[in-house]
């Protein structure tokens, strides 16, 4: 699916700065397989600074950008704070994210998404 979208859209991976060689190798391998550049942010998501790096690389604006992420508290809420549209996908390792909500009833997810909207509105 990613390859079919590449001719039409600019893409990048946004990663918190990796602190281990294994993580760097894993990200570089994915980057090479999919031919999508990885942006490493020293400011950890959900910091707006991390998302601004990706927006600069993509030469895009928040309202024209889609964030696909596997973590509600970092990827989704962080992107929503800047006005990016978001898509939540299943994480590769569900044990790594205790807040992954797809396996729980939707009513557990709503407070986290509402929290993201409240944080965003309070900064306007």
PDB file of N, CA and C in Angstrom:
ATOM      1  N   UNK A   1       0.819  -1.183   0.000  1.00  0.00           N
ATOM      2  CA  UNK A   1       0.000   0.000   0.000  1.00  0.00           C
ATOM      3  C   UNK A   1       0.871   1.257   0.000  1.00  0.00           C
ATOM      4  N   UNK A   2       1.941   1.242   0.804  1.00  0.00           N
ATOM      5  CA  UNK A   2       2.824   2.407   0.865  1.00  0.00           C
ATOM      6  C   UNK A   2       3.421   2.701  -0.505  1.00  0.00           C
ATOM      7  N   UNK A   3       3.887   1.669  -1.175  1.00  0.00           N
ATOM      8  CA  UNK A   3       4.496   1.874  -2.497  1.00  0.00           C
ATOM      9  C   UNK A   3       3.494   2.472  -3.489  1.00  0.00           C
ATOM     10  N   UNK A   4       2.230   2.092  -3.397  1.00  0.00           N
ATOM     11  CA  UNK A   4       1.235   2.636  -4.325  1.00  0.00           C
ATOM     12  C   UNK A   4       0.947   4.112  -4.040  1.00  0.00           C
ATOM     13  N   UNK A   5       1.167   4.548  -2.807  1.00  0.00           N
ATOM     14  CA  UNK A   5       0.921   5.942  -2.446  1.00  0.00           C
ATOM     15  C   UNK A   5       2.128   6.853  -2.689  1.00  0.00           C
ATOM     16  N   UNK A   6       3.319   6.269  -2.756  1.00  0.00           N
ATOM     17  CA  UNK A   6       4.539   7.073  -2.885  1.00  0.00           C
ATOM     18  C   UNK A   6       4.564   8.027  -4.079  1.00  0.00           C
ATOM     19  N   UNK A   7       4.078   7.632  -5.252  1.00  0.00           N
ATOM     20  CA  UNK A   7       4.126   8.593  -6.361  1.00  0.00           C
ATOM     21  C   UNK A   7       3.218   9.806  -6.158  1.00  0.00           C
ATOM     22  N   UNK A   8       2.212   9.673  -5.307  1.00  0.00           N
ATOM     23  CA  UNK A   8       1.225  10.737  -5.137  1.00  0.00           C
ATOM     24  C   UNK A   8       1.485  11.615  -3.916  1.00  0.00           C
ATOM     25  N   UNK A   9       2.192  11.081  -2.905  1.00  0.00           N
ATOM     26  CA  UNK A   9       2.326  11.783  -1.631  1.00  0.00           C
ATOM     27  C   UNK A   9       3.765  11.771  -1.140  1.00  0.00           C
ATOM     28  N   UNK A  10       4.156  12.844  -0.446  1.00  0.00           N
ATOM     29  CA  UNK A  10       5.451  12.867   0.232  1.00  0.00           C
ATOM     30  C   UNK A  10       5.274  12.138   1.561  1.00  0.00           C
ATOM     31  N   UNK A  11       6.276  11.359   1.952  1.00  0.00           N
ATOM     32  CA  UNK A  11       6.193  10.571   3.180  1.00  0.00           C
ATOM     33  C   UNK A  11       7.504  10.598   3.932  1.00  0.00           C
ATOM     34  N   UNK A  12       7.421  10.363   5.234  1.00  0.00           N
ATOM     35  CA  UNK A  12       8.608  10.154   6.052  1.00  0.00           C
ATOM     36  C   UNK A  12       8.198   9.389   7.304  1.00  0.00           C
ATOM     37  N   UNK A  13       9.174   8.812   7.959  1.00  0.00           N
ATOM     38  CA  UNK A  13       8.980   8.218   9.278  1.00  0.00           C
ATOM     39  C   UNK A  13       9.413   9.259  10.297  1.00  0.00           C
ATOM     40  N   UNK A  14       8.655   9.391  11.372  1.00  0.00           N
ATOM     41  CA  UNK A  14       9.050  10.277  12.457  1.00  0.00           C
ATOM     42  C   UNK A  14       9.341   9.411  13.664  1.00  0.00           C
ATOM     43  N   UNK A  15      10.579   9.425  14.094  1.00  0.00           N
ATOM     44  CA  UNK A  15      10.996   8.587  15.210  1.00  0.00           C
ATOM     45  C   UNK A  15      11.643   9.438  16.294  1.00  0.00           C
ATOM     46  N   UNK A  16      11.380   9.066  17.537  1.00  0.00           N
ATOM     47  CA  UNK A  16      12.161   9.656  18.617  1.00  0.00           C
ATOM     48  C   UNK A  16      13.601   9.237  18.396  1.00  0.00           C
ATOM     49  N   UNK A  17      14.528  10.058  18.800  1.00  0.00           N
ATOM     50  CA  UNK A  17      15.941   9.776  18.562  1.00  0.00           C
ATOM     51  C   UNK A  17      16.316   8.416  19.152  1.00  0.00           C
ATOM     52  N   UNK A  18      16.795   7.491  18.319  1.00  0.00           N
ATOM     53  CA  UNK A  18      17.141   6.154  18.829  1.00  0.00           C
ATOM     54  C   UNK A  18      18.429   6.184  19.644  1.00  0.00           C
ATOM     55  N   UNK A  19      18.404   5.546  20.769  1.00  0.00           N
ATOM     56  CA  UNK A  19      19.573   5.546  21.657  1.00  0.00           C
ATOM     57  C   UNK A  19      20.367   4.250  21.611  1.00  0.00           C
ATOM     58  N   UNK A  20      19.957   3.313  20.777  1.00  0.00           N
ATOM     59  CA  UNK A  20      20.690   2.061  20.675  1.00  0.00           C
ATOM     60  C   UNK A  20      21.032   1.774  19.216  1.00  0.00           C
ATOM     61  N   UNK A  21      22.117   1.085  19.011  1.00  0.00           N
ATOM     62  CA  UNK A  21      22.540   0.710  17.665  1.00  0.00           C
ATOM     63  C   UNK A  21      21.516  -0.208  17.007  1.00  0.00           C
ATOM     64  N   UNK A  22      20.927  -1.127  17.785  1.00  0.00           N
ATOM     65  CA  UNK A  22      19.922  -2.035  17.232  1.00  0.00           C
ATOM     66  C   UNK A  22      18.728  -1.274  16.675  1.00  0.00           C
ATOM     67  N   UNK A  23      18.289  -0.270  17.419  1.00  0.00           N
ATOM     68  CA  UNK A  23      17.138   0.516  16.968  1.00  0.00           C
ATOM     69  C   UNK A  23      17.482   1.312  15.715  1.00  0.00           C
ATOM     70  N   UNK A  24      18.658   1.884  15.669  1.00  0.00           N
ATOM     71  CA  UNK A  24      19.093   2.618  14.477  1.00  0.00           C
ATOM     72  C   UNK A  24      19.131   1.685  13.276  1.00  0.00           C
ATOM     73  N   UNK A  25      19.697   0.494  13.437  1.00  0.00           N
ATOM     74  CA  UNK A  25      19.770  -0.476  12.338  1.00  0.00           C
ATOM     75  C   UNK A  25      18.381  -0.885  11.868  1.00  0.00           C
ATOM     76  N   UNK A  26      17.466  -1.104  12.817  1.00  0.00           N
ATOM     77  CA  UNK A  26      16.109  -1.521  12.461  1.00  0.00           C
ATOM     78  C   UNK A  26      15.400  -0.420  11.659  1.00  0.00           C
ATOM     79  N   UNK A  27      15.530   0.822  12.102  1.00  0.00           N
ATOM     80  CA  UNK A  27      14.880   1.933  11.405  1.00  0.00           C
ATOM     81  C   UNK A  27      15.509   2.126  10.026  1.00  0.00           C
ATOM     82  N   UNK A  28      16.838   2.039   9.936  1.00  0.00           N
ATOM     83  CA  UNK A  28      17.506   2.196   8.639  1.00  0.00           C
ATOM     84  C   UNK A  28      17.106   1.076   7.677  1.00  0.00           C
ATOM     85  N   UNK A  29      16.899  -0.142   8.195  1.00  0.00           N
ATOM     86  CA  UNK A  29      16.477  -1.254   7.335  1.00  0.00           C
ATOM     87  C   UNK A  29      15.082  -1.004   6.769  1.00  0.00           C
ATOM     88  N   UNK A  30      14.177  -0.550   7.602  1.00  0.00           N
ATOM     89  CA  UNK A  30      12.819  -0.238   7.140  1.00  0.00           C
ATOM     90  C   UNK A  30      12.862   0.916   6.147  1.00  0.00           C
ATOM     91  N   UNK A  31      13.672   1.904   6.456  1.00  0.00           N
ATOM     92  CA  UNK A  31      13.842   3.063   5.581  1.00  0.00           C
ATOM     93  C   UNK A  31      14.297   2.608   4.186  1.00  0.00           C
ATOM     94  N   UNK A  32      15.254   1.693   4.146  1.00  0.00           N
ATOM     95  CA  UNK A  32      15.759   1.192   2.872  1.00  0.00           C
ATOM     96  C   UNK A  32      14.752   0.333   2.133  1.00  0.00           C
ATOM     97  N   UNK A  33      14.025  -0.505   2.850  1.00  0.00           N
ATOM     98  CA  UNK A  33      13.030  -1.373   2.215  1.00  0.00           C
ATOM     99  C   UNK A  33      11.918  -0.566   1.563  1.00  0.00           C
ATOM    100  N   UNK A  34      11.447   0.442   2.244  1.00  0.00           N
ATOM    101  CA  UNK A  34      10.304   1.211   1.750  1.00  0.00           C
ATOM    102  C   UNK A  34      10.703   2.485   1.008  1.00  0.00           C
ATOM    103  N   UNK A  35      11.996   2.807   1.030  1.00  0.00           N
ATOM    104  CA  UNK A  35      12.506   4.014   0.386  1.00  0.00           C
ATOM    105  C   UNK A  35      11.794   5.259   0.909  1.00  0.00           C
ATOM    106  N   UNK A  36      11.661   5.318   2.224  1.00  0.00           N
ATOM    107  CA  UNK A  36      11.066   6.469   2.903  1.00  0.00           C
ATOM    108  C   UNK A  36      12.067   6.954   3.935  1.00  0.00           C
ATOM    109  N   UNK A  37      12.368   8.235   3.918  1.00  0.00           N
ATOM    110  CA  UNK A  37      13.350   8.826   4.822  1.00  0.00           C
ATOM    111  C   UNK A  37      12.849   8.839   6.263  1.00  0.00           C
ATOM    112  N   UNK A  38      13.726   8.567   7.206  1.00  0.00           N
ATOM    113  CA  UNK A  38      13.398   8.633   8.628  1.00  0.00           C
ATOM    114  C   UNK A  38      13.886   9.951   9.209  1.00  0.00           C
ATOM    115  N   UNK A  39      13.007  10.624   9.926  1.00  0.00           N
ATOM    116  CA  UNK A  39      13.326  11.856  10.634  1.00  0.00           C
ATOM    117  C   UNK A  39      13.494  11.486  12.095  1.00  0.00           C
ATOM    118  N   UNK A  40      14.647  11.801  12.669  1.00  0.00           N
ATOM    119  CA  UNK A  40      14.901  11.500  14.075  1.00  0.00           C
ATOM    120  C   UNK A  40      14.810  12.783  14.884  1.00  0.00           C
ATOM    121  N   UNK A  41      13.931  12.787  15.860  1.00  0.00           N
ATOM    122  CA  UNK A  41      13.748  13.971  16.681  1.00  0.00           C
ATOM    123  C   UNK A  41      14.316  13.749  18.079  1.00  0.00           C
ATOM    124  N   UNK A  42      15.143  14.683  18.522  1.00  0.00           N
ATOM    125  CA  UNK A  42      15.633  14.610  19.900  1.00  0.00           C
ATOM    126  C   UNK A  42      14.546  15.032  20.879  1.00  0.00           C
ATOM    127  N   UNK A  43      13.579  15.808  20.397  1.00  0.00           N
ATOM    128  CA  UNK A  43      12.399  16.140  21.200  1.00  0.00           C
ATOM    129  C   UNK A  43      11.417  14.999  21.023  1.00  0.00           C
ATOM    130  N   UNK A  44      11.083  14.347  22.094  1.00  0.00           N
ATOM    131  CA  UNK A  44      10.248  13.154  22.019  1.00  0.00           C
ATOM    132  C   UNK A  44       8.788  13.492  21.737  1.00  0.00           C
ATOM    133  N   UNK A  45       8.160  12.650  20.911  1.00  0.00           N
ATOM    134  CA  UNK A  45       6.728  12.782  20.696  1.00  0.00           C
ATOM    135  C   UNK A  45       6.038  12.544  22.042  1.00  0.00           C
ATOM    136  N   UNK A  46       5.047  13.302  22.392  1.00  0.00           N
ATOM    137  CA  UNK A  46       4.176  14.130  21.579  1.00  0.00           C
ATOM    138  C   UNK A  46       4.579  15.598  21.468  1.00  0.00           C
ATOM    139  N   UNK A  47       5.816  15.946  21.718  1.00  0.00           N
ATOM    140  CA  UNK A  47       6.262  17.336  21.609  1.00  0.00           C
ATOM    141  C   UNK A  47       5.980  17.882  20.210  1.00  0.00           C
ATOM    142  N   UNK A  48       5.389  19.064  20.116  1.00  0.00           N
ATOM    143  CA  UNK A  48       5.153  19.666  18.802  1.00  0.00           C
ATOM    144  C   UNK A  48       6.439  19.826  17.989  1.00  0.00           C
ATOM    145  N   UNK A  49       7.568  20.024  18.658  1.00  0.00           N
ATOM    146  CA  UNK A  49       8.838  20.194  17.948  1.00  0.00           C
ATOM    147  C   UNK A  49       9.160  18.982  17.081  1.00  0.00           C
ATOM    148  N   UNK A  50       8.832  17.787  17.556  1.00  0.00           N
ATOM    149  CA  UNK A  50       9.088  16.572  16.781  1.00  0.00           C
ATOM    150  C   UNK A  50       8.280  16.589  15.485  1.00  0.00           C
ATOM    151  N   UNK A  51       7.014  16.937  15.593  1.00  0.00           N
ATOM    152  CA  UNK A  51       6.158  16.963  14.415  1.00  0.00           C
ATOM    153  C   UNK A  51       6.544  18.087  13.462  1.00  0.00           C
ATOM    154  N   UNK A  52       7.026  19.199  13.997  1.00  0.00           N
ATOM    155  CA  UNK A  52       7.470  20.301  13.138  1.00  0.00           C
ATOM    156  C   UNK A  52       8.652  19.878  12.265  1.00  0.00           C
ATOM    157  N   UNK A  53       9.534  19.026  12.786  1.00  0.00           N
ATOM    158  CA  UNK A  53      10.648  18.520  11.967  1.00  0.00           C
ATOM    159  C   UNK A  53      10.125  17.776  10.748  1.00  0.00           C
ATOM    160  N   UNK A  54       9.144  16.922  10.966  1.00  0.00           N
ATOM    161  CA  UNK A  54       8.573  16.159   9.848  1.00  0.00           C
ATOM    162  C   UNK A  54       7.862  17.089   8.870  1.00  0.00           C
ATOM    163  N   UNK A  55       7.126  18.057   9.393  1.00  0.00           N
ATOM    164  CA  UNK A  55       6.434  19.005   8.516  1.00  0.00           C
ATOM    165  C   UNK A  55       7.416  19.800   7.667  1.00  0.00           C
ATOM    166  N   UNK A  56       8.536  20.200   8.259  1.00  0.00           N
ATOM    167  CA  UNK A  56       9.571  20.916   7.502  1.00  0.00           C
ATOM    168  C   UNK A  56      10.134  20.033   6.391  1.00  0.00           C
ATOM    169  N   UNK A  57      10.447  18.785   6.733  1.00  0.00           N
ATOM    170  CA  UNK A  57      10.986  17.860   5.736  1.00  0.00           C
ATOM    171  C   UNK A  57       9.995  17.660   4.585  1.00  0.00           C
ATOM    172  N   UNK A  58       8.738  17.494   4.925  1.00  0.00           N
ATOM    173  CA  UNK A  58       7.707  17.246   3.923  1.00  0.00           C
ATOM    174  C   UNK A  58       7.288  18.514   3.173  1.00  0.00           C
ATOM    175  N   UNK A  59       7.723  19.674   3.691  1.00  0.00           N
ATOM    176  CA  UNK A  59       7.301  20.959   3.142  1.00  0.00           C
ATOM    177  C   UNK A  59       5.775  21.017   3.094  1.00  0.00           C
ATOM    178  N   UNK A  60       5.182  20.716   4.255  1.00  0.00           N
ATOM    179  CA  UNK A  60       3.734  20.616   4.348  1.00  0.00           C
ATOM    180  C   UNK A  60       3.212  21.430   5.520  1.00  0.00           C
ATOM    181  N   UNK A  61       1.912  21.578   5.555  1.00  0.00           N
ATOM    182  CA  UNK A  61       1.236  22.270   6.642  1.00  0.00           C
ATOM    183  C   UNK A  61       0.394  21.257   7.407  1.00  0.00           C
ATOM    184  N   UNK A  62       0.144  21.493   8.699  1.00  0.00           N
ATOM    185  CA  UNK A  62      -0.605  20.515   9.502  1.00  0.00           C
ATOM    186  C   UNK A  62      -1.932  20.096   8.886  1.00  0.00           C
ATOM    187  N   UNK A  63      -2.699  21.035   8.366  1.00  0.00           N
ATOM    188  CA  UNK A  63      -4.020  20.703   7.837  1.00  0.00           C
ATOM    189  C   UNK A  63      -3.966  19.898   6.541  1.00  0.00           C
ATOM    190  N   UNK A  64      -2.776  19.782   5.947  1.00  0.00           N
ATOM    191  CA  UNK A  64      -2.604  19.000   4.720  1.00  0.00           C
ATOM    192  C   UNK A  64      -1.799  17.729   4.970  1.00  0.00           C
ATOM    193  N   UNK A  65      -1.636  17.352   6.251  1.00  0.00           N
ATOM    194  CA  UNK A  65      -0.756  16.243   6.607  1.00  0.00           C
ATOM    195  C   UNK A  65      -1.503  15.187   7.415  1.00  0.00           C
ATOM    196  N   UNK A  66      -1.207  13.941   7.128  1.00  0.00           N
ATOM    197  CA  UNK A  66      -1.808  12.809   7.836  1.00  0.00           C
ATOM    198  C   UNK A  66      -0.720  12.085   8.610  1.00  0.00           C
ATOM    199  N   UNK A  67      -0.948  11.852   9.887  1.00  0.00           N
ATOM    200  CA  UNK A  67      -0.027  11.091  10.728  1.00  0.00           C
ATOM    201  C   UNK A  67      -0.612   9.707  10.932  1.00  0.00           C
ATOM    202  N   UNK A  68       0.130   8.689  10.558  1.00  0.00           N
ATOM    203  CA  UNK A  68      -0.265   7.309  10.814  1.00  0.00           C
ATOM    204  C   UNK A  68       0.613   6.832  11.951  1.00  0.00           C
ATOM    205  N   UNK A  69       0.000   6.432  13.056  1.00  0.00           N
ATOM    206  CA  UNK A  69       0.781   6.036  14.222  1.00  0.00           C
ATOM    207  C   UNK A  69       0.174   4.862  14.953  1.00  0.00           C
ATOM    208  N   UNK A  70       0.992   4.254  15.796  1.00  0.00           N
ATOM    209  CA  UNK A  70       0.522   3.091  16.545  1.00  0.00           C
ATOM    210  C   UNK A  70       0.415   3.349  18.051  1.00  0.00           C
ATOM    211  N   UNK A  71       0.586   4.598  18.458  1.00  0.00           N
ATOM    212  CA  UNK A  71       0.491   4.927  19.880  1.00  0.00           C
ATOM    213  C   UNK A  71      -0.381   6.155  20.088  1.00  0.00           C
ATOM    214  N   UNK A  72      -1.415   5.991  20.879  1.00  0.00           N
ATOM    215  CA  UNK A  72      -2.347   7.092  21.115  1.00  0.00           C
ATOM    216  C   UNK A  72      -1.666   8.268  21.798  1.00  0.00           C
ATOM    217  N   UNK A  73      -0.942   8.012  22.874  1.00  0.00           N
ATOM    218  CA  UNK A  73      -0.423   9.115  23.689  1.00  0.00           C
ATOM    219  C   UNK A  73       0.735   9.863  23.055  1.00  0.00           C
ATOM    220  N   UNK A  74       1.419   9.276  22.114  1.00  0.00           N
ATOM    221  CA  UNK A  74       2.526   9.990  21.475  1.00  0.00           C
ATOM    222  C   UNK A  74       2.175  10.395  20.046  1.00  0.00           C
ATOM    223  N   UNK A  75       1.830   9.434  19.228  1.00  0.00           N
ATOM    224  CA  UNK A  75       1.590   9.709  17.810  1.00  0.00           C
ATOM    225  C   UNK A  75       0.278  10.450  17.565  1.00  0.00           C
ATOM    226  N   UNK A  76      -0.800   9.927  18.097  1.00  0.00           N
ATOM    227  CA  UNK A  76      -2.123  10.453  17.762  1.00  0.00           C
ATOM    228  C   UNK A  76      -2.401  11.776  18.481  1.00  0.00           C
ATOM    229  N   UNK A  77      -2.267  11.779  19.799  1.00  0.00           N
ATOM    230  CA  UNK A  77      -2.532  13.018  20.539  1.00  0.00           C
ATOM    231  C   UNK A  77      -1.516  14.093  20.162  1.00  0.00           C
ATOM    232  N   UNK A  78      -0.263  13.712  19.998  1.00  0.00           N
ATOM    233  CA  UNK A  78       0.753  14.694  19.607  1.00  0.00           C
ATOM    234  C   UNK A  78       0.441  15.344  18.272  1.00  0.00           C
ATOM    235  N   UNK A  79       0.055  14.535  17.288  1.00  0.00           N
ATOM    236  CA  UNK A  79      -0.275  15.085  15.967  1.00  0.00           C
ATOM    237  C   UNK A  79      -1.555  15.913  16.014  1.00  0.00           C
ATOM    238  N   UNK A  80      -2.545  15.435  16.750  1.00  0.00           N
ATOM    239  CA  UNK A  80      -3.806  16.190  16.862  1.00  0.00           C
ATOM    240  C   UNK A  80      -3.594  17.548  17.496  1.00  0.00           C
ATOM    241  N   UNK A  81      -2.626  17.673  18.399  1.00  0.00           N
ATOM    242  CA  UNK A  81      -2.359  18.966  19.026  1.00  0.00           C
ATOM    243  C   UNK A  81      -1.970  20.029  17.999  1.00  0.00           C
ATOM    244  N   UNK A  82      -1.363  19.590  16.913  1.00  0.00           N
ATOM    245  CA  UNK A  82      -0.952  20.533  15.863  1.00  0.00           C
ATOM    246  C   UNK A  82      -1.969  20.651  14.741  1.00  0.00           C
ATOM    247  N   UNK A  83      -3.040  19.887  14.815  1.00  0.00           N
ATOM    248  CA  UNK A  83      -4.067  19.958  13.791  1.00  0.00           C
ATOM    249  C   UNK A  83      -3.892  18.972  12.652  1.00  0.00           C
ATOM    250  N   UNK A  84      -3.011  17.980  12.806  1.00  0.00           N
ATOM    251  CA  UNK A  84      -2.860  16.950  11.788  1.00  0.00           C
ATOM    252  C   UNK A  84      -4.001  15.949  11.920  1.00  0.00           C
ATOM    253  N   UNK A  85      -4.450  15.428  10.792  1.00  0.00           N
ATOM    254  CA  UNK A  85      -5.385  14.313  10.824  1.00  0.00           C
ATOM    255  C   UNK A  85      -4.574  13.077  11.206  1.00  0.00           C
ATOM    256  N   UNK A  86      -5.225  12.103  11.836  1.00  0.00           N
ATOM    257  CA  UNK A  86      -4.489  10.933  12.319  1.00  0.00           C
ATOM    258  C   UNK A  86      -5.219   9.640  12.012  1.00  0.00           C
ATOM    259  N   UNK A  87      -4.422   8.574  11.917  1.00  0.00           N
ATOM    260  CA  UNK A  87      -4.932   7.219  11.771  1.00  0.00           C
ATOM    261  C   UNK A  87      -4.184   6.361  12.780  1.00  0.00           C
ATOM    262  N   UNK A  88      -4.927   5.646  13.612  1.00  0.00           N
ATOM    263  CA  UNK A  88      -4.330   4.747  14.594  1.00  0.00           C
ATOM    264  C   UNK A  88      -4.287   3.348  14.001  1.00  0.00           C
ATOM    265  N   UNK A  89      -3.092   2.749  13.967  1.00  0.00           N
ATOM    266  CA  UNK A  89      -2.928   1.383  13.461  1.00  0.00           C
ATOM    267  C   UNK A  89      -2.431   0.488  14.589  1.00  0.00           C
ATOM    268  N   UNK A  90      -2.570  -0.797  14.404  1.00  0.00           N
ATOM    269  CA  UNK A  90      -2.111  -1.753  15.407  1.00  0.00           C
ATOM    270  C   UNK A  90      -0.592  -1.718  15.500  1.00  0.00           C
ATOM    271  N   UNK A  91      -0.049  -1.722  16.720  1.00  0.00           N
ATOM    272  CA  UNK A  91       1.412  -1.736  16.864  1.00  0.00           C
ATOM    273  C   UNK A  91       1.986  -3.096  16.496  1.00  0.00           C
ATOM    274  N   UNK A  92       3.254  -3.091  16.091  1.00  0.00           N
ATOM    275  CA  UNK A  92       3.913  -4.360  15.809  1.00  0.00           C
ATOM    276  C   UNK A  92       4.012  -5.204  17.065  1.00  0.00           C
ATOM    277  N   UNK A  93       4.258  -4.556  18.198  1.00  0.00           N
ATOM    278  CA  UNK A  93       4.373  -5.244  19.478  1.00  0.00           C
ATOM    279  C   UNK A  93       3.354  -4.643  20.446  1.00  0.00           C
ATOM    280  N   UNK A  94       2.204  -5.298  20.596  1.00  0.00           N
ATOM    281  CA  UNK A  94       1.145  -4.766  21.451  1.00  0.00           C
ATOM    282  C   UNK A  94       1.564  -4.674  22.912  1.00  0.00           C
ATOM    283  N   UNK A  95       2.503  -5.502  23.328  1.00  0.00           N
ATOM    284  CA  UNK A  95       2.968  -5.462  24.719  1.00  0.00           C
ATOM    285  C   UNK A  95       3.766  -4.189  25.017  1.00  0.00           C
ATOM    286  N   UNK A  96       4.314  -3.571  23.976  1.00  0.00           N
ATOM    287  CA  UNK A  96       5.152  -2.379  24.160  1.00  0.00           C
ATOM    288  C   UNK A  96       4.326  -1.133  24.448  1.00  0.00           C
ATOM    289  N   UNK A  97       3.032  -1.177  24.161  1.00  0.00           N
ATOM    290  CA  UNK A  97       2.194   0.006  24.366  1.00  0.00           C
ATOM    291  C   UNK A  97       0.978  -0.355  25.201  1.00  0.00           C
ATOM    292  N   UNK A  98       1.032  -0.084  26.512  1.00  0.00           N
ATOM    293  CA  UNK A  98      -0.093  -0.451  27.373  1.00  0.00           C
ATOM    294  C   UNK A  98      -1.358   0.342  27.081  1.00  0.00           C
ATOM    295  N   UNK A  99      -1.254   1.433  26.318  1.00  0.00           N
ATOM    296  CA  UNK A  99      -2.418   2.256  26.026  1.00  0.00           C
ATOM    297  C   UNK A  99      -3.019   1.966  24.661  1.00  0.00           C
ATOM    298  N   UNK A 100      -2.548   0.909  24.001  1.00  0.00           N
ATOM    299  CA  UNK A 100      -3.130   0.579  22.705  1.00  0.00           C
ATOM    300  C   UNK A 100      -4.569   0.137  22.920  1.00  0.00           C
ATOM    301  N   UNK A 101      -5.509   0.786  22.245  1.00  0.00           N
ATOM    302  CA  UNK A 101      -6.916   0.631  22.578  1.00  0.00           C
ATOM    303  C   UNK A 101      -7.731  -0.243  21.626  1.00  0.00           C
ATOM    304  N   UNK A 102      -7.164  -0.712  20.545  1.00  0.00           N
ATOM    305  CA  UNK A 102      -7.969  -1.481  19.611  1.00  0.00           C
ATOM    306  C   UNK A 102      -8.491  -2.761  20.254  1.00  0.00           C
ATOM    307  N   UNK A 103      -7.746  -3.336  21.166  1.00  0.00           N
ATOM    308  CA  UNK A 103      -8.183  -4.575  21.798  1.00  0.00           C
ATOM    309  C   UNK A 103      -9.163  -4.327  22.943  1.00  0.00           C
ATOM    310  N   UNK A 104      -9.364  -3.078  23.336  1.00  0.00           N
ATOM    311  CA  UNK A 104     -10.294  -2.730  24.395  1.00  0.00           C
ATOM    312  C   UNK A 104     -11.541  -2.101  23.791  1.00  0.00           C
ATOM    313  N   UNK A 105     -12.647  -2.084  24.540  1.00  0.00           N
ATOM    314  CA  UNK A 105     -13.855  -1.425  24.018  1.00  0.00           C
ATOM    315  C   UNK A 105     -13.587   0.044  23.683  1.00  0.00           C
ATOM    316  N   UNK A 106     -14.287   0.567  22.688  1.00  0.00           N
ATOM    317  CA  UNK A 106     -14.089   1.929  22.222  1.00  0.00           C
ATOM    318  C   UNK A 106     -14.264   2.969  23.331  1.00  0.00           C
ATOM    319  N   UNK A 107     -15.149   2.692  24.324  1.00  0.00           N
ATOM    320  CA  UNK A 107     -15.374   3.702  25.354  1.00  0.00           C
ATOM    321  C   UNK A 107     -14.126   3.951  26.194  1.00  0.00           C
ATOM    322  N   UNK A 108     -13.153   3.036  26.211  1.00  0.00           N
ATOM    323  CA  UNK A 108     -11.893   3.281  26.907  1.00  0.00           C
ATOM    324  C   UNK A 108     -11.010   4.247  26.109  1.00  0.00           C
ATOM    325  N   UNK A 109     -11.184   4.250  24.803  1.00  0.00           N
ATOM    326  CA  UNK A 109     -10.350   5.070  23.936  1.00  0.00           C
ATOM    327  C   UNK A 109     -10.787   6.541  23.958  1.00  0.00           C
ATOM    328  N   UNK A 110     -12.053   6.798  24.078  1.00  0.00           N
ATOM    329  CA  UNK A 110     -12.578   8.156  23.967  1.00  0.00           C
ATOM    330  C   UNK A 110     -11.930   9.159  24.924  1.00  0.00           C
ATOM    331  N   UNK A 111     -11.714   8.829  26.206  1.00  0.00           N
ATOM    332  CA  UNK A 111     -11.090   9.833  27.090  1.00  0.00           C
ATOM    333  C   UNK A 111      -9.708  10.292  26.615  1.00  0.00           C
ATOM    334  N   UNK A 112      -8.920   9.386  26.037  1.00  0.00           N
ATOM    335  CA  UNK A 112      -7.590   9.758  25.553  1.00  0.00           C
ATOM    336  C   UNK A 112      -7.685  10.675  24.341  1.00  0.00           C
ATOM    337  N   UNK A 113      -8.609  10.372  23.438  1.00  0.00           N
ATOM    338  CA  UNK A 113      -8.770  11.221  22.271  1.00  0.00           C
ATOM    339  C   UNK A 113      -9.339  12.581  22.668  1.00  0.00           C
ATOM    340  N   UNK A 114     -10.265  12.593  23.618  1.00  0.00           N
ATOM    341  CA  UNK A 114     -10.815  13.856  24.111  1.00  0.00           C
ATOM    342  C   UNK A 114      -9.712  14.680  24.777  1.00  0.00           C
ATOM    343  N   UNK A 115      -8.848  14.024  25.542  1.00  0.00           N
ATOM    344  CA  UNK A 115      -7.730  14.707  26.184  1.00  0.00           C
ATOM    345  C   UNK A 115      -6.879  15.414  25.135  1.00  0.00           C
ATOM    346  N   UNK A 116      -6.617  14.756  24.021  1.00  0.00           N
ATOM    347  CA  UNK A 116      -5.829  15.367  22.952  1.00  0.00           C
ATOM    348  C   UNK A 116      -6.496  16.598  22.395  1.00  0.00           C
ATOM    349  N   UNK A 117      -7.808  16.559  22.211  1.00  0.00           N
ATOM    350  CA  UNK A 117      -8.530  17.729  21.693  1.00  0.00           C
ATOM    351  C   UNK A 117      -8.513  18.863  22.705  1.00  0.00           C
ATOM    352  N   UNK A 118      -8.660  18.545  23.991  1.00  0.00           N
ATOM    353  CA  UNK A 118      -8.654  19.576  25.037  1.00  0.00           C
ATOM    354  C   UNK A 118      -7.298  20.257  25.103  1.00  0.00           C
ATOM    355  N   UNK A 119      -6.218  19.485  25.061  1.00  0.00           N
ATOM    356  CA  UNK A 119      -4.863  20.044  25.094  1.00  0.00           C
ATOM    357  C   UNK A 119      -4.672  20.965  23.894  1.00  0.00           C
ATOM    358  N   UNK A 120      -5.100  20.512  22.718  1.00  0.00           N
ATOM    359  CA  UNK A 120      -4.927  21.313  21.511  1.00  0.00           C
ATOM    360  C   UNK A 120      -5.710  22.619  21.607  1.00  0.00           C
ATOM    361  N   UNK A 121      -6.968  22.559  22.021  1.00  0.00           N
ATOM    362  CA  UNK A 121      -7.783  23.766  22.110  1.00  0.00           C
ATOM    363  C   UNK A 121      -7.243  24.747  23.138  1.00  0.00           C
ATOM    364  N   UNK A 122      -6.669  24.224  24.229  1.00  0.00           N
ATOM    365  CA  UNK A 122      -6.167  25.121  25.267  1.00  0.00           C
ATOM    366  C   UNK A 122      -4.948  25.912  24.795  1.00  0.00           C
ATOM    367  N   UNK A 123      -4.268  25.467  23.746  1.00  0.00           N
ATOM    368  CA  UNK A 123      -3.088  26.166  23.242  1.00  0.00           C
ATOM    369  C   UNK A 123      -3.436  27.180  22.172  1.00  0.00           C
ATOM    370  N   UNK A 124      -4.698  27.212  21.726  1.00  0.00           N
ATOM    371  CA  UNK A 124      -5.097  28.164  20.668  1.00  0.00           C
ATOM    372  C   UNK A 124      -5.180  29.566  21.208  1.00  0.00           C
TER     373      UNK A 124
END
